[in-house]
């Protein structure tokens, strides 16, 4: 079953201009057109768009996606290279996830301190700031 760009946009929950951009960038090869020149998308195109949207949400660059598409178009012989690219990217994502987890923990600790301050409990933050202020005058 083929879908118009409007139908593809609705199914994907993304604007049509994003789909056009991905096609223009060469990320959606083999898009057929009807007799009026309108794009016709197949379910495989929609699935690839879903995957690309996930990759883009992680910050993957369009140029990397394009490289993946170009390699895929070269055939199965490029699977080891594509797999290596994604394995490396996965390592980078795990590192970023770890960094974000640490940042989230810092935010949670700070919120806990503010909760204590609102309850009138003495906090180490004010003590530290006062100590730093007194050192400034030395």
N, C-alpha and C. Protein backbone atom coordinates (compact mmCIF):
# COMPACT_ATOMS: atom_id res chain seq x y z
N UNK A 1 0.84 -1.18 0.00
CA UNK A 1 0.00 0.00 0.00
C UNK A 1 0.88 1.24 0.00
N UNK A 2 0.55 2.16 -0.84
CA UNK A 2 1.31 3.41 -0.93
C UNK A 2 0.59 4.52 -0.19
N UNK A 3 1.37 5.49 0.29
CA UNK A 3 0.84 6.62 1.04
C UNK A 3 1.30 7.91 0.40
N UNK A 4 0.42 8.90 0.40
CA UNK A 4 0.80 10.24 -0.04
C UNK A 4 1.66 10.87 1.05
N UNK A 5 2.25 12.00 0.76
CA UNK A 5 3.07 12.67 1.78
C UNK A 5 2.20 13.10 2.96
N UNK A 6 0.95 13.49 2.68
CA UNK A 6 0.04 13.87 3.76
C UNK A 6 -0.25 12.66 4.66
N UNK A 7 -0.52 11.53 4.05
CA UNK A 7 -0.80 10.32 4.82
C UNK A 7 0.44 9.87 5.60
N UNK A 8 1.60 9.95 4.95
CA UNK A 8 2.85 9.58 5.62
C UNK A 8 3.09 10.50 6.82
N UNK A 9 2.87 11.77 6.61
CA UNK A 9 3.04 12.75 7.68
C UNK A 9 2.13 12.44 8.86
N UNK A 10 0.88 12.11 8.58
CA UNK A 10 -0.08 11.79 9.64
C UNK A 10 0.31 10.51 10.37
N UNK A 11 0.71 9.49 9.61
CA UNK A 11 1.09 8.22 10.22
C UNK A 11 2.33 8.37 11.10
N UNK A 12 3.27 9.21 10.66
CA UNK A 12 4.52 9.39 11.39
C UNK A 12 4.41 10.44 12.49
N UNK A 13 3.40 11.29 12.41
CA UNK A 13 3.28 12.37 13.38
C UNK A 13 4.38 13.40 13.22
N UNK A 14 4.79 13.63 11.98
CA UNK A 14 5.82 14.64 11.71
C UNK A 14 5.38 15.49 10.53
N UNK A 15 5.88 16.69 10.45
CA UNK A 15 5.46 17.57 9.35
C UNK A 15 5.96 17.08 7.99
N UNK A 16 5.18 17.37 6.97
CA UNK A 16 5.54 16.97 5.61
C UNK A 16 6.88 17.57 5.18
N UNK A 17 7.17 18.78 5.64
CA UNK A 17 8.44 19.42 5.23
C UNK A 17 9.65 18.63 5.73
N UNK A 18 9.50 17.94 6.85
CA UNK A 18 10.60 17.10 7.36
C UNK A 18 10.82 15.92 6.42
N UNK A 19 9.74 15.33 5.95
CA UNK A 19 9.85 14.21 5.02
C UNK A 19 10.49 14.67 3.72
N UNK A 20 10.06 15.83 3.22
CA UNK A 20 10.64 16.38 1.99
C UNK A 20 12.14 16.64 2.18
N UNK A 21 12.50 17.19 3.34
CA UNK A 21 13.90 17.47 3.63
C UNK A 21 14.72 16.18 3.62
N UNK A 22 14.23 15.15 4.28
CA UNK A 22 14.95 13.87 4.31
C UNK A 22 15.12 13.31 2.90
N UNK A 23 14.09 13.44 2.09
CA UNK A 23 14.21 12.95 0.71
C UNK A 23 15.23 13.78 -0.06
N UNK A 24 15.16 15.10 0.09
CA UNK A 24 16.10 16.00 -0.60
C UNK A 24 17.55 15.68 -0.23
N UNK A 25 17.76 15.31 1.03
CA UNK A 25 19.10 14.99 1.52
C UNK A 25 19.56 13.59 1.11
N UNK A 26 18.70 12.85 0.43
CA UNK A 26 19.07 11.52 -0.03
C UNK A 26 18.88 10.43 1.01
N UNK A 27 18.10 10.72 2.03
CA UNK A 27 17.89 9.75 3.10
C UNK A 27 16.72 8.80 2.81
N UNK A 28 15.95 9.10 1.80
CA UNK A 28 14.82 8.26 1.42
C UNK A 28 14.95 7.90 -0.06
N UNK A 29 15.83 6.98 -0.38
CA UNK A 29 15.99 6.62 -1.79
C UNK A 29 14.81 5.80 -2.29
N UNK A 30 14.69 5.77 -3.57
CA UNK A 30 13.69 4.93 -4.25
C UNK A 30 12.25 5.32 -3.94
N UNK A 31 12.00 6.60 -3.79
CA UNK A 31 10.63 7.07 -3.62
C UNK A 31 10.01 7.14 -5.02
N UNK A 32 8.93 6.42 -5.19
CA UNK A 32 8.21 6.47 -6.47
C UNK A 32 7.28 7.67 -6.48
N UNK A 33 6.86 8.03 -7.68
CA UNK A 33 5.91 9.14 -7.84
C UNK A 33 4.77 8.68 -8.73
N UNK A 34 3.61 9.27 -8.48
CA UNK A 34 2.46 8.93 -9.31
C UNK A 34 2.52 9.72 -10.62
N UNK A 35 1.49 9.58 -11.44
CA UNK A 35 1.48 10.24 -12.75
C UNK A 35 1.50 11.76 -12.65
N UNK A 36 1.12 12.30 -11.48
CA UNK A 36 1.14 13.75 -11.27
C UNK A 36 2.43 14.23 -10.59
N UNK A 37 3.36 13.31 -10.33
CA UNK A 37 4.62 13.68 -9.70
C UNK A 37 4.58 13.69 -8.19
N UNK A 38 3.47 13.26 -7.60
CA UNK A 38 3.36 13.22 -6.14
C UNK A 38 4.12 12.01 -5.60
N UNK A 39 4.80 12.22 -4.49
CA UNK A 39 5.55 11.14 -3.85
C UNK A 39 4.61 10.04 -3.37
N UNK A 40 5.08 8.81 -3.50
CA UNK A 40 4.34 7.66 -2.98
C UNK A 40 5.26 6.90 -2.03
N UNK A 41 4.85 6.82 -0.79
CA UNK A 41 5.66 6.18 0.24
C UNK A 41 5.11 4.80 0.55
N UNK A 42 6.03 3.89 0.76
CA UNK A 42 5.67 2.53 1.16
C UNK A 42 5.91 2.40 2.66
N UNK A 43 5.38 1.34 3.24
CA UNK A 43 5.54 1.11 4.68
C UNK A 43 7.02 1.08 5.07
N UNK A 44 7.88 0.55 4.20
CA UNK A 44 9.33 0.49 4.47
C UNK A 44 9.92 1.89 4.62
N UNK A 45 9.43 2.84 3.81
CA UNK A 45 9.90 4.22 3.93
C UNK A 45 9.49 4.80 5.29
N UNK A 46 8.26 4.50 5.68
CA UNK A 46 7.78 5.02 6.97
C UNK A 46 8.59 4.43 8.12
N UNK A 47 8.90 3.15 8.04
CA UNK A 47 9.69 2.53 9.09
C UNK A 47 11.08 3.15 9.16
N UNK A 48 11.69 3.38 8.00
CA UNK A 48 13.02 4.01 7.97
C UNK A 48 12.94 5.42 8.54
N UNK A 49 11.85 6.15 8.24
CA UNK A 49 11.69 7.49 8.81
C UNK A 49 11.59 7.41 10.34
N UNK A 50 10.91 6.40 10.85
CA UNK A 50 10.80 6.24 12.32
C UNK A 50 12.19 6.02 12.92
N UNK A 51 12.96 5.16 12.28
CA UNK A 51 14.32 4.87 12.77
C UNK A 51 15.17 6.14 12.70
N UNK A 52 15.12 6.84 11.56
CA UNK A 52 15.90 8.07 11.43
C UNK A 52 15.50 9.11 12.46
N UNK A 53 14.21 9.20 12.73
CA UNK A 53 13.76 10.16 13.74
C UNK A 53 14.32 9.82 15.11
N UNK A 54 14.39 8.54 15.43
CA UNK A 54 15.01 8.12 16.70
C UNK A 54 16.49 8.49 16.71
N UNK A 55 17.18 8.19 15.62
CA UNK A 55 18.61 8.53 15.55
C UNK A 55 18.82 10.04 15.66
N UNK A 56 17.98 10.81 14.97
CA UNK A 56 18.11 12.27 15.02
C UNK A 56 17.83 12.78 16.43
N UNK A 57 16.89 12.15 17.13
CA UNK A 57 16.57 12.57 18.50
C UNK A 57 17.76 12.38 19.43
N UNK A 58 18.65 11.47 19.08
CA UNK A 58 19.86 11.27 19.89
C UNK A 58 20.98 12.22 19.49
N UNK A 59 20.73 13.00 18.44
CA UNK A 59 21.76 13.94 17.99
C UNK A 59 22.58 13.45 16.81
N UNK A 60 22.23 12.30 16.26
CA UNK A 60 22.98 11.81 15.11
C UNK A 60 22.85 12.81 13.97
N UNK A 61 23.96 13.10 13.34
CA UNK A 61 23.98 14.08 12.26
C UNK A 61 23.40 13.49 10.98
N UNK A 62 22.80 14.36 10.19
CA UNK A 62 22.23 13.96 8.91
C UNK A 62 23.32 13.36 8.03
N UNK A 63 24.52 13.89 8.10
CA UNK A 63 25.62 13.38 7.27
C UNK A 63 25.94 11.92 7.60
N UNK A 64 25.82 11.55 8.87
CA UNK A 64 26.06 10.16 9.27
C UNK A 64 24.93 9.28 8.75
N UNK A 65 23.70 9.76 8.86
CA UNK A 65 22.57 9.01 8.32
C UNK A 65 22.73 8.81 6.81
N UNK A 66 23.17 9.86 6.15
CA UNK A 66 23.36 9.78 4.70
C UNK A 66 24.44 8.74 4.36
N UNK A 67 25.49 8.72 5.14
CA UNK A 67 26.54 7.72 4.94
C UNK A 67 25.98 6.31 5.12
N UNK A 68 25.14 6.14 6.13
CA UNK A 68 24.52 4.83 6.36
C UNK A 68 23.64 4.42 5.17
N UNK A 69 22.85 5.37 4.66
CA UNK A 69 21.98 5.08 3.52
C UNK A 69 22.83 4.72 2.30
N UNK A 70 23.87 5.49 2.06
CA UNK A 70 24.74 5.23 0.90
C UNK A 70 25.38 3.85 1.00
N UNK A 71 25.82 3.51 2.20
CA UNK A 71 26.41 2.18 2.39
C UNK A 71 25.37 1.09 2.18
N UNK A 72 24.17 1.30 2.68
CA UNK A 72 23.10 0.31 2.51
C UNK A 72 22.79 0.11 1.03
N UNK A 73 22.85 1.18 0.27
CA UNK A 73 22.57 1.08 -1.16
C UNK A 73 23.66 0.31 -1.90
N UNK A 74 24.84 0.21 -1.29
CA UNK A 74 25.93 -0.56 -1.90
C UNK A 74 25.74 -2.05 -1.68
N UNK A 75 24.89 -2.43 -0.75
CA UNK A 75 24.58 -3.83 -0.56
C UNK A 75 25.09 -4.42 0.74
N UNK A 76 24.89 -5.72 0.84
CA UNK A 76 25.19 -6.46 2.07
C UNK A 76 26.68 -6.45 2.43
N UNK A 77 27.54 -6.25 1.46
CA UNK A 77 28.98 -6.25 1.76
C UNK A 77 29.37 -5.13 2.72
N UNK A 78 28.51 -4.12 2.87
CA UNK A 78 28.83 -3.00 3.76
C UNK A 78 28.24 -3.18 5.16
N UNK A 79 27.59 -4.30 5.40
CA UNK A 79 26.99 -4.52 6.73
C UNK A 79 28.03 -4.44 7.85
N UNK A 80 29.21 -5.04 7.71
CA UNK A 80 30.20 -4.91 8.80
C UNK A 80 30.56 -3.44 9.11
N UNK A 81 30.68 -2.62 8.09
CA UNK A 81 31.01 -1.21 8.31
C UNK A 81 29.83 -0.49 8.97
N UNK A 82 28.62 -0.74 8.49
CA UNK A 82 27.44 -0.12 9.10
C UNK A 82 27.29 -0.55 10.55
N UNK A 83 27.55 -1.82 10.80
CA UNK A 83 27.45 -2.34 12.17
C UNK A 83 28.51 -1.69 13.06
N UNK A 84 29.71 -1.53 12.54
CA UNK A 84 30.78 -0.88 13.31
C UNK A 84 30.43 0.57 13.62
N UNK A 85 29.83 1.26 12.65
CA UNK A 85 29.42 2.65 12.87
C UNK A 85 28.40 2.74 13.99
N UNK A 86 27.41 1.86 13.95
CA UNK A 86 26.36 1.89 14.97
C UNK A 86 26.88 1.44 16.33
N UNK A 87 27.82 0.50 16.34
CA UNK A 87 28.41 0.06 17.60
C UNK A 87 29.16 1.21 18.26
N UNK A 88 29.92 1.96 17.48
CA UNK A 88 30.63 3.12 18.02
C UNK A 88 29.64 4.16 18.51
N UNK A 89 28.60 4.39 17.74
CA UNK A 89 27.59 5.38 18.13
C UNK A 89 26.90 4.95 19.42
N UNK A 90 26.65 3.66 19.56
CA UNK A 90 26.03 3.13 20.77
C UNK A 90 26.91 3.42 21.98
N UNK A 91 28.22 3.25 21.83
CA UNK A 91 29.15 3.55 22.94
C UNK A 91 29.05 5.03 23.33
N UNK A 92 28.97 5.89 22.31
CA UNK A 92 28.86 7.33 22.58
C UNK A 92 27.54 7.64 23.29
N UNK A 93 26.47 6.97 22.88
CA UNK A 93 25.18 7.18 23.53
C UNK A 93 25.20 6.75 25.00
N UNK A 94 25.85 5.61 25.26
CA UNK A 94 25.96 5.15 26.65
C UNK A 94 26.74 6.17 27.49
N UNK A 95 27.78 6.75 26.93
CA UNK A 95 28.56 7.75 27.66
C UNK A 95 27.70 8.99 27.93
N UNK A 96 26.96 9.43 26.92
CA UNK A 96 26.08 10.58 27.10
C UNK A 96 24.99 10.28 28.12
N UNK A 97 24.48 9.04 28.07
CA UNK A 97 23.45 8.64 29.04
C UNK A 97 24.02 8.68 30.45
N UNK A 98 25.25 8.22 30.62
CA UNK A 98 25.90 8.25 31.92
C UNK A 98 26.08 9.71 32.38
N UNK A 99 26.52 10.56 31.47
CA UNK A 99 26.69 11.98 31.81
C UNK A 99 25.36 12.60 32.22
N UNK A 100 24.30 12.27 31.49
CA UNK A 100 22.98 12.81 31.83
C UNK A 100 22.48 12.27 33.16
N UNK A 101 22.76 11.00 33.45
CA UNK A 101 22.37 10.43 34.75
C UNK A 101 23.07 11.15 35.89
N UNK A 102 24.35 11.46 35.70
CA UNK A 102 25.10 12.20 36.73
C UNK A 102 24.53 13.61 36.90
N UNK A 103 24.19 14.25 35.80
CA UNK A 103 23.61 15.59 35.87
C UNK A 103 22.25 15.55 36.56
N UNK A 104 21.46 14.54 36.26
CA UNK A 104 20.16 14.39 36.89
C UNK A 104 20.31 14.18 38.40
N UNK A 105 21.29 13.39 38.79
CA UNK A 105 21.54 13.17 40.21
C UNK A 105 21.94 14.48 40.90
N UNK A 106 22.75 15.29 40.23
CA UNK A 106 23.15 16.58 40.80
C UNK A 106 21.93 17.48 40.98
N UNK A 107 21.05 17.49 40.01
CA UNK A 107 19.83 18.30 40.10
C UNK A 107 18.97 17.79 41.26
N UNK A 108 18.82 16.48 41.39
CA UNK A 108 18.03 15.92 42.48
C UNK A 108 18.63 16.28 43.84
N UNK A 109 19.96 16.24 43.95
CA UNK A 109 20.61 16.60 45.22
C UNK A 109 20.34 18.07 45.55
N UNK A 110 20.44 18.92 44.54
CA UNK A 110 20.21 20.35 44.76
C UNK A 110 18.76 20.59 45.17
N UNK A 111 17.83 19.91 44.53
CA UNK A 111 16.42 20.05 44.91
C UNK A 111 16.20 19.59 46.35
N UNK A 112 16.88 18.55 46.77
CA UNK A 112 16.77 18.06 48.15
C UNK A 112 17.28 19.11 49.13
N UNK A 113 18.37 19.74 48.79
CA UNK A 113 18.92 20.82 49.63
C UNK A 113 17.90 21.95 49.75
N UNK A 114 17.29 22.34 48.61
CA UNK A 114 16.31 23.42 48.64
C UNK A 114 15.08 23.02 49.45
N UNK A 115 14.68 21.75 49.36
CA UNK A 115 13.56 21.28 50.19
C UNK A 115 13.90 21.43 51.66
N UNK A 116 15.12 21.04 52.04
CA UNK A 116 15.56 21.18 53.43
C UNK A 116 15.58 22.64 53.85
N UNK A 117 16.06 23.50 52.96
CA UNK A 117 16.13 24.93 53.29
C UNK A 117 14.74 25.50 53.53
N UNK A 118 13.76 25.08 52.69
CA UNK A 118 12.40 25.57 52.87
C UNK A 118 11.80 25.08 54.18
N UNK A 119 12.26 23.95 54.68
CA UNK A 119 11.76 23.39 55.94
C UNK A 119 12.51 23.98 57.14
N UNK A 120 13.46 24.89 56.87
CA UNK A 120 14.19 25.55 57.95
C UNK A 120 15.37 24.77 58.46
N UNK A 121 15.74 23.71 57.79
CA UNK A 121 16.91 22.94 58.23
C UNK A 121 18.17 23.66 57.78
N UNK A 122 19.22 23.54 58.61
CA UNK A 122 20.51 24.14 58.26
C UNK A 122 21.07 23.38 57.07
N UNK A 123 21.68 24.10 56.20
CA UNK A 123 22.17 23.45 54.99
C UNK A 123 23.66 23.72 54.80
N UNK A 124 24.28 22.79 54.15
CA UNK A 124 25.71 22.90 53.89
C UNK A 124 26.00 23.91 52.80
N UNK A 125 25.02 24.19 51.95
CA UNK A 125 25.25 25.14 50.86
C UNK A 125 25.55 26.53 51.40
N UNK A 126 24.74 26.99 52.35
CA UNK A 126 24.98 28.33 52.91
C UNK A 126 26.30 28.38 53.66
N UNK A 127 26.63 27.32 54.40
CA UNK A 127 27.91 27.27 55.11
C UNK A 127 29.07 27.38 54.13
N UNK A 128 28.99 26.62 53.04
CA UNK A 128 30.05 26.63 52.05
C UNK A 128 30.19 28.02 51.43
N UNK A 129 29.08 28.64 51.11
CA UNK A 129 29.13 29.98 50.51
C UNK A 129 29.72 31.00 51.49
N UNK A 130 29.37 30.89 52.78
CA UNK A 130 29.92 31.80 53.78
C UNK A 130 31.42 31.59 53.94
N UNK A 131 31.87 30.33 53.94
CA UNK A 131 33.29 30.05 54.05
C UNK A 131 34.05 30.58 52.85
N UNK A 132 33.47 30.43 51.67
CA UNK A 132 34.13 30.94 50.46
C UNK A 132 34.19 32.45 50.48
N UNK A 133 33.13 33.08 51.00
CA UNK A 133 33.09 34.55 51.09
C UNK A 133 34.16 35.06 52.05
N UNK A 134 34.33 34.36 53.17
CA UNK A 134 35.35 34.81 54.15
C UNK A 134 36.75 34.62 53.61
N UNK A 135 36.97 33.60 52.79
CA UNK A 135 38.29 33.39 52.19
C UNK A 135 38.61 34.48 51.18
N UNK A 136 37.61 35.03 50.57
CA UNK A 136 37.79 36.09 49.58
C UNK A 136 38.42 37.33 50.21
N UNK A 137 38.15 37.53 51.49
CA UNK A 137 38.63 38.71 52.19
C UNK A 137 40.03 38.53 52.79
N UNK A 138 40.60 37.37 52.65
CA UNK A 138 41.94 37.11 53.24
C UNK A 138 43.02 37.68 52.37
